[in-house]
């Protein structure tokens, strides 16, 4: 049971971390494109 719990936790952390990185990337790209448009 412990092994399954730790696997689920690892998957959850990986999913959360990746989605957090992706949202940060999207915000960064939005600012990047906004600067190009306003130029």
N, C-alpha and C. Protein backbone atom coordinates (compact mmCIF):
# COMPACT_ATOMS: atom_id res chain seq x y z
N UNK A 1 0.84 -1.21 0.00
CA UNK A 1 0.00 0.00 0.00
C UNK A 1 0.88 1.26 0.00
N UNK A 2 1.96 1.20 0.76
CA UNK A 2 2.84 2.38 0.84
C UNK A 2 3.42 2.69 -0.54
N UNK A 3 3.82 1.66 -1.26
CA UNK A 3 4.41 1.86 -2.58
C UNK A 3 3.40 2.55 -3.51
N UNK A 4 2.16 2.08 -3.48
CA UNK A 4 1.13 2.68 -4.34
C UNK A 4 0.89 4.13 -3.94
N UNK A 5 0.83 4.39 -2.63
CA UNK A 5 0.60 5.76 -2.16
C UNK A 5 1.72 6.69 -2.62
N UNK A 6 2.97 6.23 -2.49
CA UNK A 6 4.09 7.08 -2.87
C UNK A 6 4.10 7.30 -4.39
N UNK A 7 3.70 6.28 -5.15
CA UNK A 7 3.63 6.44 -6.61
C UNK A 7 2.56 7.47 -6.97
N UNK A 8 1.40 7.38 -6.33
CA UNK A 8 0.33 8.34 -6.60
C UNK A 8 0.79 9.75 -6.24
N UNK A 9 1.48 9.87 -5.13
CA UNK A 9 1.96 11.18 -4.69
C UNK A 9 2.97 11.74 -5.69
N UNK A 10 3.87 10.88 -6.16
CA UNK A 10 4.87 11.31 -7.14
C UNK A 10 4.20 11.78 -8.42
N UNK A 11 3.20 11.03 -8.88
CA UNK A 11 2.48 11.41 -10.10
C UNK A 11 1.78 12.75 -9.89
N UNK A 12 1.14 12.92 -8.73
CA UNK A 12 0.43 14.16 -8.44
C UNK A 12 1.40 15.34 -8.41
N UNK A 13 2.56 15.15 -7.78
CA UNK A 13 3.56 16.23 -7.71
C UNK A 13 4.09 16.56 -9.10
N UNK A 14 4.38 15.53 -9.90
CA UNK A 14 4.87 15.76 -11.26
C UNK A 14 3.84 16.51 -12.08
N UNK A 15 2.57 16.10 -11.97
CA UNK A 15 1.50 16.74 -12.73
C UNK A 15 1.35 18.20 -12.31
N UNK A 16 1.37 18.45 -10.98
CA UNK A 16 1.23 19.81 -10.47
C UNK A 16 2.41 20.66 -10.92
N UNK A 17 3.63 20.10 -10.83
CA UNK A 17 4.84 20.85 -11.18
C UNK A 17 4.83 21.21 -12.66
N UNK A 18 4.46 20.23 -13.51
CA UNK A 18 4.44 20.49 -14.95
C UNK A 18 3.38 21.53 -15.30
N UNK A 19 2.20 21.43 -14.69
CA UNK A 19 1.15 22.40 -15.00
C UNK A 19 1.56 23.79 -14.50
N UNK A 20 2.27 23.84 -13.38
CA UNK A 20 2.74 25.12 -12.85
C UNK A 20 3.77 25.72 -13.80
N UNK A 21 4.70 24.89 -14.29
CA UNK A 21 5.71 25.35 -15.24
C UNK A 21 5.03 25.82 -16.53
N UNK A 22 4.04 25.07 -16.99
CA UNK A 22 3.35 25.42 -18.23
C UNK A 22 2.62 26.76 -18.10
N UNK A 23 1.95 26.98 -16.98
CA UNK A 23 1.23 28.24 -16.79
C UNK A 23 2.22 29.41 -16.72
N UNK A 24 3.39 29.18 -16.13
CA UNK A 24 4.42 30.22 -16.06
C UNK A 24 4.94 30.50 -17.47
N UNK A 25 5.11 29.45 -18.28
CA UNK A 25 5.58 29.62 -19.65
C UNK A 25 4.55 30.41 -20.46
N UNK A 26 3.27 30.08 -20.29
CA UNK A 26 2.21 30.76 -21.03
C UNK A 26 2.20 32.24 -20.67
N UNK A 27 2.33 32.56 -19.39
CA UNK A 27 2.36 33.96 -18.97
C UNK A 27 3.57 34.67 -19.58
N UNK A 28 4.71 33.99 -19.60
CA UNK A 28 5.93 34.57 -20.16
C UNK A 28 5.75 34.83 -21.65
N UNK A 29 5.18 33.85 -22.37
CA UNK A 29 4.99 34.01 -23.80
C UNK A 29 3.97 35.11 -24.09
N UNK A 30 2.94 35.23 -23.25
CA UNK A 30 1.95 36.29 -23.44
C UNK A 30 2.64 37.66 -23.37
N UNK A 31 3.52 37.84 -22.40
CA UNK A 31 4.23 39.10 -22.26
C UNK A 31 5.14 39.32 -23.46
N UNK A 32 5.78 38.24 -23.93
CA UNK A 32 6.68 38.31 -25.08
C UNK A 32 5.92 38.77 -26.33
N UNK A 33 4.78 38.12 -26.60
CA UNK A 33 4.00 38.49 -27.77
C UNK A 33 3.40 39.88 -27.63
N UNK A 34 3.01 40.24 -26.42
CA UNK A 34 2.42 41.56 -26.18
C UNK A 34 3.44 42.65 -26.52
N UNK A 35 4.72 42.43 -26.16
CA UNK A 35 5.76 43.41 -26.47
C UNK A 35 5.94 43.54 -27.97
N UNK A 36 5.89 42.40 -28.68
CA UNK A 36 6.05 42.44 -30.14
C UNK A 36 4.89 43.21 -30.78
N UNK A 37 3.67 42.94 -30.30
CA UNK A 37 2.48 43.61 -30.86
C UNK A 37 2.54 45.12 -30.60
N UNK A 38 2.97 45.50 -29.40
CA UNK A 38 2.99 46.92 -29.04
C UNK A 38 4.17 47.66 -29.66
N UNK A 39 5.12 46.95 -30.21
CA UNK A 39 6.31 47.59 -30.75
C UNK A 39 5.97 48.47 -31.95
